[in-house]
Amino acid sequence: MPIASTSASHIDINDRVVREAWMARFGVTEERLRKAVRMVSSRVTNVAAYLDQPKR
């Protein structure tokens, strides 16, 4: 099983393992993460800002 990286600059929303890792990192649901990516792109810094959270 591949290990999901949350150190990438973009979120691969189509990869279940990566998506779940980012959901855990930001503490959000899949729906909220998908909405953030739709609204501001998959760049981690944009998603973090949209979610009003530091990148960590």
Protein backbone atom coordinates (compact mmCIF):
# COMPACT_ATOMS: atom_id res chain seq x y z
CA MET A 1 0.00 0.00 0.00
CA PRO A 2 1.48 3.37 -0.99
CA ILE A 3 2.14 5.97 1.64
CA ALA A 4 0.37 9.27 1.00
CA SER A 5 2.52 12.34 0.97
CA THR A 6 1.20 15.52 2.52
CA SER A 7 4.41 17.33 1.70
CA ALA A 8 3.48 17.85 -1.96
CA SER A 9 2.63 21.29 -3.30
CA HIS A 10 -0.67 20.08 -4.80
CA ILE A 11 -3.44 17.78 -3.61
CA ASP A 12 -4.33 14.90 -5.93
CA ILE A 13 -8.04 14.87 -5.13
CA ASN A 14 -8.56 11.78 -7.31
CA ASP A 15 -6.16 9.60 -5.31
CA ARG A 16 -8.06 8.12 -2.37
CA VAL A 17 -4.99 7.58 -0.17
CA VAL A 18 -3.70 11.11 -0.76
CA ARG A 19 -7.17 12.60 -0.31
CA GLU A 20 -7.64 10.80 3.01
CA ALA A 21 -4.23 11.95 4.22
CA TRP A 22 -5.10 15.59 3.47
CA MET A 23 -8.54 15.18 5.05
CA ALA A 24 -6.84 14.01 8.24
CA ARG A 25 -4.18 16.73 8.07
CA PHE A 26 -6.75 19.52 7.72
CA GLY A 27 -9.36 17.83 9.90
CA VAL A 28 -12.10 18.16 7.27
CA THR A 29 -14.57 15.91 5.52
CA GLU A 30 -14.10 14.68 1.96
CA GLU A 31 -16.88 16.99 0.82
CA ARG A 32 -15.18 20.04 2.38
CA LEU A 33 -11.80 19.13 0.88
CA ARG A 34 -13.31 18.59 -2.57
CA LYS A 35 -15.14 21.92 -2.35
CA ALA A 36 -11.95 23.72 -1.36
CA VAL A 37 -10.08 22.23 -4.34
CA ARG A 38 -12.96 23.20 -6.67
CA MET A 39 -13.02 26.75 -5.34
CA VAL A 40 -9.31 27.61 -5.16
CA SER A 41 -7.36 24.91 -7.08
CA SER A 42 -5.38 21.97 -5.76
CA ARG A 43 -2.40 24.01 -4.52
CA VAL A 44 -1.93 23.20 -0.84
CA THR A 45 -1.34 26.81 0.22
CA ASN A 46 -4.57 27.91 -1.50
CA VAL A 47 -6.59 25.09 0.07
CA ALA A 48 -5.11 25.82 3.52
CA ALA A 49 -6.01 29.51 3.17
CA TYR A 50 -9.52 28.66 1.98
CA LEU A 51 -9.98 26.36 4.97
CA ASP A 52 -8.50 29.13 7.16
CA GLN A 53 -5.80 26.80 8.47
CA PRO A 54 -2.01 26.88 8.44
CA LYS A 55 -0.36 24.41 6.05
CA ARG A 56 1.24 22.57 9.02
